N, C-alpha and C. Protein backbone atom coordinates (compact mmCIF):
# COMPACT_ATOMS: atom_id res chain seq x y z
N MET A 1 62.05 -68.04 77.05
CA MET A 1 62.45 -67.76 78.84
C MET A 1 63.07 -67.26 79.02
N ALA A 2 62.31 -66.44 80.38
CA ALA A 2 63.16 -65.44 80.81
C ALA A 2 64.54 -65.89 81.44
N SER A 3 65.63 -64.82 81.28
CA SER A 3 66.86 -65.14 81.77
C SER A 3 66.86 -65.20 83.90
N PRO A 4 67.78 -66.17 84.22
CA PRO A 4 67.41 -66.01 85.56
C PRO A 4 67.48 -64.42 86.32
N ALA A 5 68.34 -63.39 85.81
CA ALA A 5 68.40 -61.84 86.28
C ALA A 5 66.83 -61.37 86.15
N SER A 6 65.84 -61.63 85.11
CA SER A 6 65.12 -60.89 84.60
C SER A 6 63.74 -61.54 85.18
N GLU A 7 64.09 -62.62 86.12
CA GLU A 7 62.61 -63.71 86.34
C GLU A 7 61.98 -63.01 87.53
N PRO A 8 60.55 -62.67 87.21
CA PRO A 8 59.45 -61.87 88.11
C PRO A 8 59.84 -62.31 89.36
N ILE A 9 59.33 -61.54 90.70
CA ILE A 9 59.22 -62.34 91.87
C ILE A 9 58.07 -63.26 92.02
N LEU A 10 57.62 -64.13 92.51
CA LEU A 10 56.45 -64.88 92.09
C LEU A 10 56.21 -65.43 93.61
N ASN A 11 54.78 -65.14 94.21
CA ASN A 11 54.58 -65.36 95.14
C ASN A 11 53.73 -66.83 94.95
N ILE A 12 52.49 -66.87 94.33
CA ILE A 12 51.72 -68.39 94.03
C ILE A 12 52.13 -69.00 92.64
N VAL A 13 52.77 -70.37 93.09
CA VAL A 13 52.90 -70.69 91.57
C VAL A 13 52.03 -72.27 91.59
N GLY A 14 51.28 -72.13 90.44
CA GLY A 14 50.52 -73.51 89.83
C GLY A 14 50.53 -73.95 89.15
N GLU A 15 50.09 -74.69 88.45
CA GLU A 15 50.78 -75.52 87.41
C GLU A 15 50.84 -75.01 86.37
N GLN A 16 50.04 -73.90 85.45
CA GLN A 16 50.30 -73.22 84.39
C GLN A 16 50.35 -71.86 84.99
N VAL A 17 50.19 -71.39 85.54
CA VAL A 17 50.14 -69.98 85.76
C VAL A 17 50.96 -69.50 87.57
N ALA A 18 51.54 -68.27 87.19
CA ALA A 18 51.95 -67.92 88.41
C ALA A 18 51.55 -66.07 88.94
N LEU A 19 51.31 -66.22 90.14
CA LEU A 19 51.49 -64.81 90.40
C LEU A 19 52.17 -64.33 91.54
N GLY A 20 52.36 -62.50 91.00
CA GLY A 20 53.49 -62.27 91.67
C GLY A 20 53.20 -60.64 91.57
N PRO A 21 54.02 -60.08 92.39
CA PRO A 21 53.36 -58.12 92.47
C PRO A 21 53.34 -57.52 90.88
N HIS A 22 52.65 -56.94 91.13
CA HIS A 22 52.56 -55.13 89.95
C HIS A 22 53.95 -55.15 89.93
N ARG A 23 54.46 -54.62 88.89
CA ARG A 23 55.65 -54.01 88.04
C ARG A 23 55.65 -52.70 87.36
N ARG A 24 56.43 -51.91 88.15
CA ARG A 24 56.56 -50.30 87.39
C ARG A 24 57.13 -50.65 85.71
N ASP A 25 57.76 -51.46 85.34
CA ASP A 25 58.58 -51.74 84.33
C ASP A 25 57.45 -52.37 82.71
N LEU A 26 56.44 -53.21 83.98
CA LEU A 26 55.16 -53.52 83.02
C LEU A 26 53.92 -52.81 82.56
N LEU A 27 54.00 -51.16 82.96
CA LEU A 27 52.90 -50.50 82.86
C LEU A 27 52.96 -50.31 81.37
N PRO A 28 53.81 -50.33 80.49
CA PRO A 28 53.35 -50.33 79.18
C PRO A 28 52.51 -51.61 78.79
N LEU A 29 52.42 -52.75 79.55
CA LEU A 29 51.73 -53.64 79.01
C LEU A 29 50.54 -53.65 79.54
N TYR A 30 50.02 -53.11 80.54
CA TYR A 30 48.95 -53.23 81.97
C TYR A 30 47.90 -51.96 80.88
N LEU A 31 49.04 -50.85 80.28
CA LEU A 31 48.04 -49.72 79.79
C LEU A 31 47.18 -50.62 78.07
N LYS A 32 48.34 -51.41 77.61
CA LYS A 32 48.18 -51.86 76.44
C LYS A 32 46.70 -53.14 76.70
N TRP A 33 46.68 -53.49 77.72
CA TRP A 33 45.44 -54.43 78.01
C TRP A 33 44.11 -53.41 78.25
N ILE A 34 44.59 -52.19 79.14
CA ILE A 34 43.49 -51.49 79.33
C ILE A 34 42.38 -50.67 78.35
N ASN A 35 43.42 -50.71 77.28
CA ASN A 35 42.78 -49.97 76.21
C ASN A 35 42.33 -50.94 75.12
N ASP A 36 42.30 -52.30 75.46
CA ASP A 36 41.66 -52.85 74.46
C ASP A 36 40.05 -53.14 74.87
N PHE A 37 39.42 -52.80 74.01
CA PHE A 37 38.14 -53.12 74.08
C PHE A 37 37.49 -54.42 74.21
N GLU A 38 37.91 -55.46 73.49
CA GLU A 38 37.76 -56.68 73.44
C GLU A 38 38.07 -57.46 74.91
N VAL A 39 39.28 -57.02 75.56
CA VAL A 39 39.81 -57.56 76.42
C VAL A 39 38.87 -56.75 77.75
N ILE A 40 38.59 -55.82 77.92
CA ILE A 40 37.76 -54.94 79.43
C ILE A 40 36.45 -54.79 79.01
N ARG A 41 35.68 -55.52 78.05
CA ARG A 41 34.39 -55.49 77.85
C ARG A 41 33.31 -56.75 78.97
N THR A 42 33.92 -57.47 79.47
CA THR A 42 33.62 -58.06 80.61
C THR A 42 34.45 -57.27 81.76
N LEU A 43 34.77 -56.72 82.28
CA LEU A 43 35.15 -55.87 83.35
C LEU A 43 34.08 -54.33 83.76
N GLY A 44 33.27 -54.86 85.08
CA GLY A 44 32.48 -53.86 85.49
C GLY A 44 33.18 -52.46 86.03
N ALA A 45 34.11 -52.87 86.19
CA ALA A 45 34.36 -51.38 86.77
C ALA A 45 35.55 -50.41 86.13
N VAL A 46 35.39 -51.27 84.92
CA VAL A 46 36.01 -50.43 83.74
C VAL A 46 35.58 -49.82 82.58
N PRO A 47 35.34 -48.39 82.33
CA PRO A 47 34.71 -47.67 81.29
C PRO A 47 35.08 -48.04 79.71
N MET A 48 34.35 -48.64 78.65
CA MET A 48 35.21 -48.69 77.76
C MET A 48 35.49 -47.44 77.17
N ARG A 49 36.62 -46.46 77.63
CA ARG A 49 37.42 -45.58 77.47
C ARG A 49 38.66 -45.55 77.06
N PRO A 50 39.19 -44.82 76.16
CA PRO A 50 40.68 -44.86 76.36
C PRO A 50 41.19 -44.16 77.92
N MET A 51 42.75 -45.19 77.71
CA MET A 51 42.76 -44.81 79.09
C MET A 51 44.94 -44.11 78.95
N THR A 52 44.61 -43.05 79.47
CA THR A 52 46.00 -42.48 78.92
C THR A 52 47.17 -42.98 79.79
N TRP A 53 48.07 -43.12 79.67
CA TRP A 53 49.49 -43.43 80.28
C TRP A 53 49.58 -42.92 81.79
N GLU A 54 49.17 -41.49 81.93
CA GLU A 54 48.46 -40.57 83.26
C GLU A 54 47.90 -41.48 84.38
N ALA A 55 46.94 -41.66 83.40
CA ALA A 55 45.77 -41.96 84.40
C ALA A 55 46.40 -43.77 84.81
N GLU A 56 46.73 -44.03 84.35
CA GLU A 56 47.48 -45.48 84.22
C GLU A 56 48.65 -45.65 85.23
N GLU A 57 49.37 -44.55 85.12
CA GLU A 57 50.28 -44.38 86.07
C GLU A 57 49.60 -44.39 87.60
N GLY A 58 49.04 -43.06 87.06
CA GLY A 58 48.02 -43.09 88.95
C GLY A 58 47.60 -44.13 89.56
N TRP A 59 47.26 -44.91 88.89
CA TRP A 59 46.79 -46.06 89.13
C TRP A 59 47.44 -46.84 89.83
N TYR A 60 48.74 -47.23 89.37
CA TYR A 60 49.98 -48.13 89.27
C TYR A 60 50.31 -47.11 91.31
N GLN A 61 50.45 -46.00 90.85
CA GLN A 61 51.33 -45.37 92.16
C GLN A 61 49.79 -45.75 93.22
N ARG A 62 48.78 -45.78 92.81
CA ARG A 62 48.13 -46.30 94.08
C ARG A 62 47.95 -47.53 94.46
N VAL A 63 47.49 -48.11 93.76
CA VAL A 63 47.93 -49.76 94.11
C VAL A 63 49.46 -50.37 95.00
N SER A 64 50.10 -49.56 94.02
CA SER A 64 51.41 -50.32 94.88
C SER A 64 52.12 -49.58 96.19
N GLN A 65 51.41 -48.87 96.55
CA GLN A 65 51.52 -48.71 97.98
C GLN A 65 50.53 -49.24 99.09
N GLY A 66 49.90 -50.27 98.52
CA GLY A 66 49.61 -51.15 99.43
C GLY A 66 48.27 -51.08 100.06
N SER A 67 46.97 -51.92 100.37
CA SER A 67 46.07 -50.83 101.13
C SER A 67 45.79 -52.61 101.40
N GLU A 68 44.68 -52.53 103.01
CA GLU A 68 44.36 -53.43 103.81
C GLU A 68 42.61 -53.43 103.31
N ARG A 69 42.53 -53.08 101.91
CA ARG A 69 40.70 -53.28 100.98
C ARG A 69 41.09 -53.87 99.97
N GLU A 70 42.07 -53.96 99.42
CA GLU A 70 42.67 -54.92 98.12
C GLU A 70 44.00 -55.32 97.56
N VAL A 71 43.91 -56.38 97.14
CA VAL A 71 45.33 -56.96 96.54
C VAL A 71 45.58 -57.25 95.56
N HIS A 72 46.67 -56.89 94.43
CA HIS A 72 46.86 -56.77 93.14
C HIS A 72 48.01 -57.89 92.71
N PHE A 73 48.13 -59.05 91.71
CA PHE A 73 48.72 -59.64 91.26
C PHE A 73 48.64 -59.39 90.04
N THR A 74 50.15 -59.65 89.32
CA THR A 74 50.43 -59.81 87.60
C THR A 74 50.15 -61.04 87.66
N ILE A 75 49.84 -61.72 86.39
CA ILE A 75 49.70 -63.26 86.33
C ILE A 75 50.68 -63.52 85.26
N TYR A 76 51.59 -64.85 85.36
CA TYR A 76 52.22 -64.99 84.46
C TYR A 76 52.03 -66.31 83.96
N GLU A 77 52.34 -66.79 82.89
CA GLU A 77 52.07 -67.66 81.92
C GLU A 77 53.63 -69.16 83.11
N ARG A 78 53.22 -69.97 83.47
CA ARG A 78 54.55 -70.26 84.14
C ARG A 78 55.36 -71.00 83.10
N ALA A 79 55.13 -71.43 81.83
CA ALA A 79 55.92 -71.94 81.34
C ALA A 79 56.94 -71.10 80.63
N THR A 80 56.59 -69.89 80.14
CA THR A 80 57.24 -68.66 79.52
C THR A 80 57.77 -67.59 80.76
N LEU A 81 56.85 -67.30 81.81
CA LEU A 81 57.53 -66.16 82.88
C LEU A 81 56.96 -64.69 81.83
N ARG A 82 55.69 -65.13 80.94
CA ARG A 82 55.07 -63.91 79.91
C ARG A 82 54.11 -63.15 80.80
N PRO A 83 54.32 -62.20 81.50
CA PRO A 83 52.69 -61.90 82.15
C PRO A 83 51.99 -61.85 80.97
N ILE A 84 50.62 -62.15 81.49
CA ILE A 84 49.68 -62.46 80.39
C ILE A 84 48.25 -61.92 81.11
N GLY A 85 48.29 -60.52 82.46
CA GLY A 85 46.79 -60.25 82.60
C GLY A 85 47.04 -59.97 84.75
N GLY A 86 46.24 -59.34 84.83
CA GLY A 86 45.97 -59.44 86.20
C GLY A 86 45.11 -59.62 87.18
N THR A 87 45.06 -59.68 88.00
CA THR A 87 44.11 -60.51 89.30
C THR A 87 44.09 -59.78 90.53
N ASN A 88 43.21 -59.51 91.39
CA ASN A 88 42.80 -58.61 92.19
C ASN A 88 41.70 -59.72 93.39
N LEU A 89 41.79 -59.19 94.59
CA LEU A 89 40.76 -59.20 95.42
C LEU A 89 40.54 -57.68 95.93
N HIS A 90 39.47 -57.33 95.75
CA HIS A 90 39.42 -55.76 96.36
C HIS A 90 37.86 -56.15 97.39
N SER A 91 37.60 -54.40 97.76
CA SER A 91 36.33 -54.65 99.46
C SER A 91 36.53 -55.72 100.09
N ILE A 92 38.05 -55.31 100.79
CA ILE A 92 38.12 -56.54 101.52
C ILE A 92 37.54 -56.25 102.90
N ASP A 93 37.02 -56.97 103.70
CA ASP A 93 36.53 -56.39 105.09
C ASP A 93 37.21 -57.58 106.05
N GLN A 94 37.97 -57.22 106.69
CA GLN A 94 38.63 -58.45 107.85
C GLN A 94 37.48 -58.61 108.87
N HIS A 95 36.76 -57.84 108.81
CA HIS A 95 36.14 -57.83 109.98
C HIS A 95 34.96 -59.08 110.02
N ASN A 96 34.33 -58.96 108.87
CA ASN A 96 33.30 -59.71 108.23
C ASN A 96 33.91 -61.26 107.31
N ARG A 97 35.00 -60.81 107.18
CA ARG A 97 36.10 -61.95 106.01
C ARG A 97 35.51 -62.27 105.07
N THR A 98 35.06 -61.04 104.21
CA THR A 98 35.02 -60.90 102.94
C THR A 98 35.34 -60.14 102.07
N ALA A 99 35.27 -60.60 100.85
CA ALA A 99 35.93 -59.66 99.64
C ALA A 99 35.56 -59.55 98.08
N GLU A 100 35.82 -59.55 97.12
CA GLU A 100 35.30 -59.26 96.14
C GLU A 100 36.46 -59.28 95.24
N PHE A 101 36.06 -60.43 94.09
CA PHE A 101 37.13 -61.47 93.44
C PHE A 101 37.20 -60.62 91.65
N GLY A 102 38.38 -59.86 90.86
CA GLY A 102 38.43 -59.81 89.72
C GLY A 102 39.31 -60.18 88.99
N ILE A 103 39.42 -60.12 87.82
CA ILE A 103 40.43 -60.92 86.78
C ILE A 103 40.60 -60.64 84.96
N MET A 104 41.68 -60.36 84.54
CA MET A 104 41.82 -59.96 83.70
C MET A 104 42.90 -60.68 82.48
N ILE A 105 42.40 -61.46 82.00
CA ILE A 105 43.45 -62.28 81.24
C ILE A 105 43.80 -61.28 79.55
N GLY A 106 45.20 -60.23 80.06
CA GLY A 106 44.91 -59.06 78.91
C GLY A 106 45.56 -59.95 77.23
N GLU A 107 46.12 -61.40 77.71
CA GLU A 107 46.83 -61.50 76.10
C GLU A 107 45.60 -62.81 75.67
N LYS A 108 45.47 -61.74 74.46
CA LYS A 108 44.43 -63.06 74.26
C LYS A 108 44.64 -64.64 73.61
N ASP A 109 45.71 -64.37 72.98
CA ASP A 109 46.43 -66.10 72.64
C ASP A 109 46.29 -67.07 74.02
N CYS A 110 45.91 -66.52 74.84
CA CYS A 110 46.34 -67.02 76.36
C CYS A 110 44.32 -67.18 76.80
N TRP A 111 43.19 -66.75 75.65
CA TRP A 111 42.29 -67.40 76.51
C TRP A 111 41.87 -68.58 75.57
N GLY A 112 41.40 -69.89 77.17
CA GLY A 112 41.00 -70.42 76.38
C GLY A 112 41.37 -71.54 76.49
N LYS A 113 42.54 -71.43 77.69
CA LYS A 113 43.51 -72.90 77.68
C LYS A 113 43.45 -73.49 79.44
N GLY A 114 42.15 -73.16 79.72
CA GLY A 114 42.57 -72.88 81.29
C GLY A 114 43.18 -72.16 82.42
N TYR A 115 43.39 -71.28 81.75
CA TYR A 115 44.64 -69.65 82.82
C TYR A 115 43.59 -68.98 83.61
N GLY A 116 42.18 -69.04 83.09
CA GLY A 116 41.07 -68.26 84.60
C GLY A 116 40.95 -69.21 85.35
N THR A 117 40.41 -70.22 84.95
CA THR A 117 40.53 -71.84 86.07
C THR A 117 40.97 -71.42 87.37
N GLU A 118 41.97 -71.40 86.46
CA GLU A 118 43.49 -71.65 87.68
C GLU A 118 44.31 -70.18 88.72
N VAL A 119 43.70 -69.17 87.69
CA VAL A 119 44.37 -68.12 88.65
C VAL A 119 42.85 -67.80 89.42
N THR A 120 41.50 -68.24 89.05
CA THR A 120 40.62 -67.96 90.42
C THR A 120 40.78 -68.96 91.20
N VAL A 121 41.19 -70.56 91.32
CA VAL A 121 41.14 -70.84 92.09
C VAL A 121 42.85 -70.57 92.90
N LEU A 122 43.90 -70.07 92.41
CA LEU A 122 44.88 -69.43 93.54
C LEU A 122 44.31 -68.38 94.06
N MET A 123 43.50 -67.51 93.56
CA MET A 123 43.29 -66.52 93.89
C MET A 123 41.98 -66.97 95.41
N LEU A 124 41.33 -67.74 94.73
CA LEU A 124 40.16 -68.37 96.35
C LEU A 124 41.63 -68.71 97.18
N ASP A 125 42.48 -69.53 96.95
CA ASP A 125 43.51 -70.25 97.92
C ASP A 125 43.64 -69.31 98.52
N TYR A 126 44.59 -67.79 98.13
CA TYR A 126 45.66 -66.96 98.64
C TYR A 126 43.85 -66.33 99.58
N GLY A 127 43.21 -65.74 99.33
CA GLY A 127 41.89 -64.82 100.00
C GLY A 127 41.25 -66.20 101.47
N PHE A 128 41.17 -67.03 101.39
CA PHE A 128 40.72 -68.22 102.07
C PHE A 128 41.88 -69.10 103.34
N THR A 129 43.28 -68.92 102.67
CA THR A 129 44.35 -69.20 103.77
C THR A 129 45.26 -68.31 104.24
N ALA A 130 45.95 -67.73 102.91
CA ALA A 130 46.34 -66.50 103.38
C ALA A 130 46.17 -65.25 104.47
N LEU A 131 45.08 -64.99 103.52
CA LEU A 131 44.15 -63.72 104.20
C LEU A 131 43.20 -63.98 105.54
N GLY A 132 42.70 -65.38 105.36
CA GLY A 132 41.84 -66.13 106.32
C GLY A 132 40.38 -65.81 106.11
N LEU A 133 39.63 -65.67 104.82
CA LEU A 133 38.60 -64.88 104.44
C LEU A 133 37.72 -66.11 104.40
N HIS A 134 36.16 -65.70 104.69
CA HIS A 134 35.20 -66.73 104.71
C HIS A 134 34.65 -67.04 103.42
N ASN A 135 34.18 -65.37 102.90
CA ASN A 135 33.30 -65.48 101.74
C ASN A 135 33.97 -64.76 101.08
N ILE A 136 34.26 -64.90 99.19
CA ILE A 136 34.53 -64.21 98.43
C ILE A 136 33.80 -64.53 97.21
N MET A 137 32.99 -62.79 96.44
CA MET A 137 32.39 -63.07 95.50
C MET A 137 32.79 -62.38 94.33
N LEU A 138 32.13 -62.27 93.58
CA LEU A 138 32.07 -61.67 92.05
C LEU A 138 30.79 -61.69 91.26
N ASN A 139 31.10 -60.75 90.30
CA ASN A 139 29.90 -60.80 89.49
C ASN A 139 30.19 -61.00 88.19
N VAL A 140 29.47 -61.21 87.27
CA VAL A 140 30.00 -61.79 85.98
C VAL A 140 28.49 -61.44 85.21
N TYR A 141 28.89 -61.18 83.81
CA TYR A 141 27.79 -60.52 82.96
C TYR A 141 27.04 -61.77 81.97
N SER A 142 25.87 -62.29 81.73
CA SER A 142 25.40 -63.41 81.45
C SER A 142 26.17 -63.70 80.13
N PHE A 143 26.66 -62.57 79.03
CA PHE A 143 27.02 -63.17 78.37
C PHE A 143 28.36 -63.68 78.25
N ASN A 144 29.16 -63.60 79.07
CA ASN A 144 30.58 -64.31 79.81
C ASN A 144 30.68 -65.09 79.94
N GLU A 145 29.80 -66.17 78.96
CA GLU A 145 30.05 -67.39 79.37
C GLU A 145 31.11 -68.14 79.36
N ARG A 146 32.20 -67.88 78.67
CA ARG A 146 33.52 -68.24 79.09
C ARG A 146 34.11 -68.07 80.68
N GLY A 147 33.63 -67.35 80.92
CA GLY A 147 33.99 -66.67 82.62
C GLY A 147 33.60 -67.39 83.64
N ILE A 148 31.76 -67.53 83.29
CA ILE A 148 30.95 -68.51 83.92
C ILE A 148 31.09 -69.56 84.03
N ARG A 149 31.77 -70.49 83.10
CA ARG A 149 32.37 -71.94 83.02
C ARG A 149 33.77 -71.74 84.13
N ALA A 150 34.68 -70.59 83.82
CA ALA A 150 35.64 -70.85 84.62
C ALA A 150 35.21 -70.93 86.50
N TYR A 151 34.74 -69.70 86.62
CA TYR A 151 34.19 -69.71 87.96
C TYR A 151 33.91 -70.92 88.60
N THR A 152 32.69 -71.54 87.87
CA THR A 152 32.19 -72.92 88.45
C THR A 152 33.09 -73.52 88.59
N ARG A 153 34.02 -73.88 87.76
CA ARG A 153 34.77 -75.30 87.49
C ARG A 153 35.85 -74.85 89.16
N ALA A 154 35.97 -73.20 89.49
CA ALA A 154 37.19 -72.85 90.40
C ALA A 154 36.36 -73.31 91.90
N GLY A 155 35.03 -73.15 91.84
CA GLY A 155 33.95 -73.64 93.84
C GLY A 155 33.26 -72.23 93.18
N PHE A 156 33.25 -71.19 92.74
CA PHE A 156 32.32 -70.46 92.64
C PHE A 156 30.11 -71.27 92.51
N ARG A 157 29.38 -70.32 93.11
CA ARG A 157 28.25 -70.75 92.65
C ARG A 157 27.33 -69.26 92.63
N VAL A 158 26.31 -69.83 91.97
CA VAL A 158 25.26 -68.52 91.42
C VAL A 158 24.59 -68.16 92.97
N MET A 159 24.39 -66.74 93.30
CA MET A 159 23.89 -66.86 94.04
C MET A 159 22.73 -65.84 93.80
N GLY A 160 22.54 -65.29 92.44
CA GLY A 160 21.71 -64.55 91.92
C GLY A 160 21.73 -63.58 90.90
N ARG A 161 20.88 -63.04 90.78
CA ARG A 161 21.29 -62.09 89.39
C ARG A 161 20.34 -60.90 90.09
N ARG A 162 21.22 -60.03 88.98
CA ARG A 162 20.44 -58.53 88.59
C ARG A 162 20.04 -58.40 87.01
N ARG A 163 18.50 -58.35 86.55
CA ARG A 163 18.10 -58.34 85.19
C ARG A 163 18.42 -57.36 84.58
N GLU A 164 18.92 -57.70 83.51
CA GLU A 164 19.13 -56.70 82.39
C GLU A 164 19.68 -55.32 83.05
N ALA A 165 20.38 -55.20 83.43
CA ALA A 165 21.66 -54.37 84.35
C ALA A 165 23.18 -54.14 83.90
N ARG A 166 23.09 -54.74 82.49
CA ARG A 166 24.38 -54.53 81.72
C ARG A 166 24.27 -54.01 80.52
N ARG A 167 24.07 -53.30 79.42
CA ARG A 167 24.00 -52.90 78.68
C ARG A 167 25.50 -52.96 77.61
N LEU A 168 25.45 -53.45 76.38
CA LEU A 168 26.62 -53.80 75.72
C LEU A 168 26.05 -53.88 74.13
N GLY A 169 26.47 -52.98 73.33
CA GLY A 169 25.72 -52.89 71.92
C GLY A 169 24.48 -52.55 72.01
N GLY A 170 23.66 -51.63 72.83
CA GLY A 170 22.12 -51.64 72.94
C GLY A 170 21.63 -52.77 73.42
N ARG A 171 22.27 -53.52 73.54
CA ARG A 171 21.44 -54.85 74.19
C ARG A 171 21.58 -54.97 75.61
N PRO A 172 20.75 -55.78 76.29
CA PRO A 172 20.55 -55.86 77.76
C PRO A 172 21.04 -57.19 78.43
N TYR A 173 21.92 -57.32 79.24
CA TYR A 173 22.70 -58.78 79.64
C TYR A 173 22.16 -58.45 81.11
N ASP A 174 22.09 -59.70 82.18
CA ASP A 174 21.94 -59.71 83.52
C ASP A 174 23.15 -59.79 84.24
N VAL A 175 23.23 -59.37 85.52
CA VAL A 175 24.45 -59.26 85.83
C VAL A 175 24.24 -60.54 87.24
N ILE A 176 25.32 -61.34 87.20
CA ILE A 176 25.39 -62.91 87.75
C ILE A 176 26.22 -62.44 88.81
N TYR A 177 25.56 -63.04 90.24
CA TYR A 177 26.42 -62.91 91.00
C TYR A 177 26.96 -64.06 91.77
N MET A 178 28.29 -64.65 91.76
CA MET A 178 28.30 -65.80 92.39
C MET A 178 28.90 -65.32 93.49
N ASP A 179 29.39 -67.20 94.55
CA ASP A 179 29.97 -66.66 95.62
C ASP A 179 31.08 -68.16 95.86
N CYS A 180 31.62 -67.88 96.75
CA CYS A 180 32.20 -69.00 97.27
C CYS A 180 32.72 -69.42 98.98
N LEU A 181 32.22 -69.85 99.62
CA LEU A 181 33.06 -69.75 100.91
C LEU A 181 34.39 -70.89 101.13
N ALA A 182 34.44 -70.70 102.47
CA ALA A 182 35.96 -70.93 102.88
C ALA A 182 35.77 -72.90 102.90
N THR A 183 34.52 -73.08 103.64
CA THR A 183 34.26 -74.30 103.98
C THR A 183 33.59 -75.18 102.57
N GLU A 184 33.60 -74.82 101.46
CA GLU A 184 33.49 -75.36 100.56
C GLU A 184 34.66 -75.34 99.73
N PHE A 185 35.86 -75.05 100.24
CA PHE A 185 37.08 -75.30 98.95
C PHE A 185 38.04 -75.61 99.59
N GLN A 186 39.05 -76.76 99.27
CA GLN A 186 39.93 -77.15 99.65
C GLN A 186 41.53 -76.54 99.20
N SER A 187 42.14 -76.18 99.38
CA SER A 187 43.58 -75.50 99.24
C SER A 187 44.61 -76.65 98.94
N PRO A 188 44.98 -75.74 97.46
CA PRO A 188 45.73 -76.89 96.15
C PRO A 188 46.79 -76.68 96.67
N VAL A 189 47.39 -75.13 97.22
CA VAL A 189 48.99 -74.86 97.31
C VAL A 189 49.39 -73.92 98.11
N LEU A 190 48.50 -73.35 98.82
CA LEU A 190 49.35 -72.81 100.15
C LEU A 190 49.05 -73.43 101.31
N HIS A 191 48.47 -74.67 101.20
CA HIS A 191 47.55 -75.34 102.73
C HIS A 191 49.22 -75.88 103.51
N ARG A 192 50.34 -75.89 102.39
CA ARG A 192 51.40 -75.78 103.36
C ARG A 192 51.78 -75.05 103.81
N LEU A 193 51.53 -73.87 103.86
CA LEU A 193 51.81 -72.47 104.54
C LEU A 193 51.28 -73.10 106.29
N LEU A 194 50.01 -73.72 106.07
CA LEU A 194 49.60 -73.84 107.44
C LEU A 194 50.06 -74.77 108.38
N PRO A 195 50.18 -74.68 109.84
CA PRO A 195 50.94 -75.38 110.82
C PRO A 195 50.69 -76.82 110.44
N ASP A 196 51.30 -77.77 111.10
CA ASP A 196 50.71 -79.38 110.84
C ASP A 196 50.85 -79.55 111.86
N ASP A 197 49.05 -80.07 112.36
CA ASP A 197 48.28 -80.38 113.75
C ASP A 197 48.85 -81.70 114.29
N THR A 198 49.25 -82.25 112.98
CA THR A 198 49.59 -83.47 113.66
C THR A 198 51.20 -83.57 114.20
N LEU A 199 52.33 -82.45 114.67
CA LEU A 199 53.81 -82.32 114.87
C LEU A 199 53.20 -81.47 115.98
N ARG A 200 52.25 -81.32 116.65
CA ARG A 200 51.90 -81.22 117.90
C ARG A 200 51.16 -81.77 118.93
């Protein structure tokens, strides 16, 4: 357990995981995750190429400045406050109230524990409740059965697929598109931020 002086800032706290802002001191960890091909093989936006310190630092400089088009969080295991991955909403369009979701659990001993599902739920809650979005979508490769199960449990539904549009090891896989609407989602955490209509 981290000492009180070193405890990270947490914006959203769930039962098993918590989300907080990215940190410069975690750059070596972010770099380790993004250079693990087993971790990033399910990420469409990340090529399977070595990532240098300079490139990762450039990415951090960009996202740390903030943008109306994207929001990034570090994922923490709540019990230990250990950083275990990253998640984001990107392509945020406030006019149409849409965004796209991304997640990476970088610590492989945290796979299969339900952390990905809870992170997905917390990010839907953030997008719908805090940002006022209406439609959040993602894409996932057909070989990523664990991811598809997590997204489905969190509230995403399949809306279509692009056939054989992803290749891995010379074999083609479908890209599956999923989305969730605010009207299909019940806020588990951030509803407490909303005004209590019963007090009016």
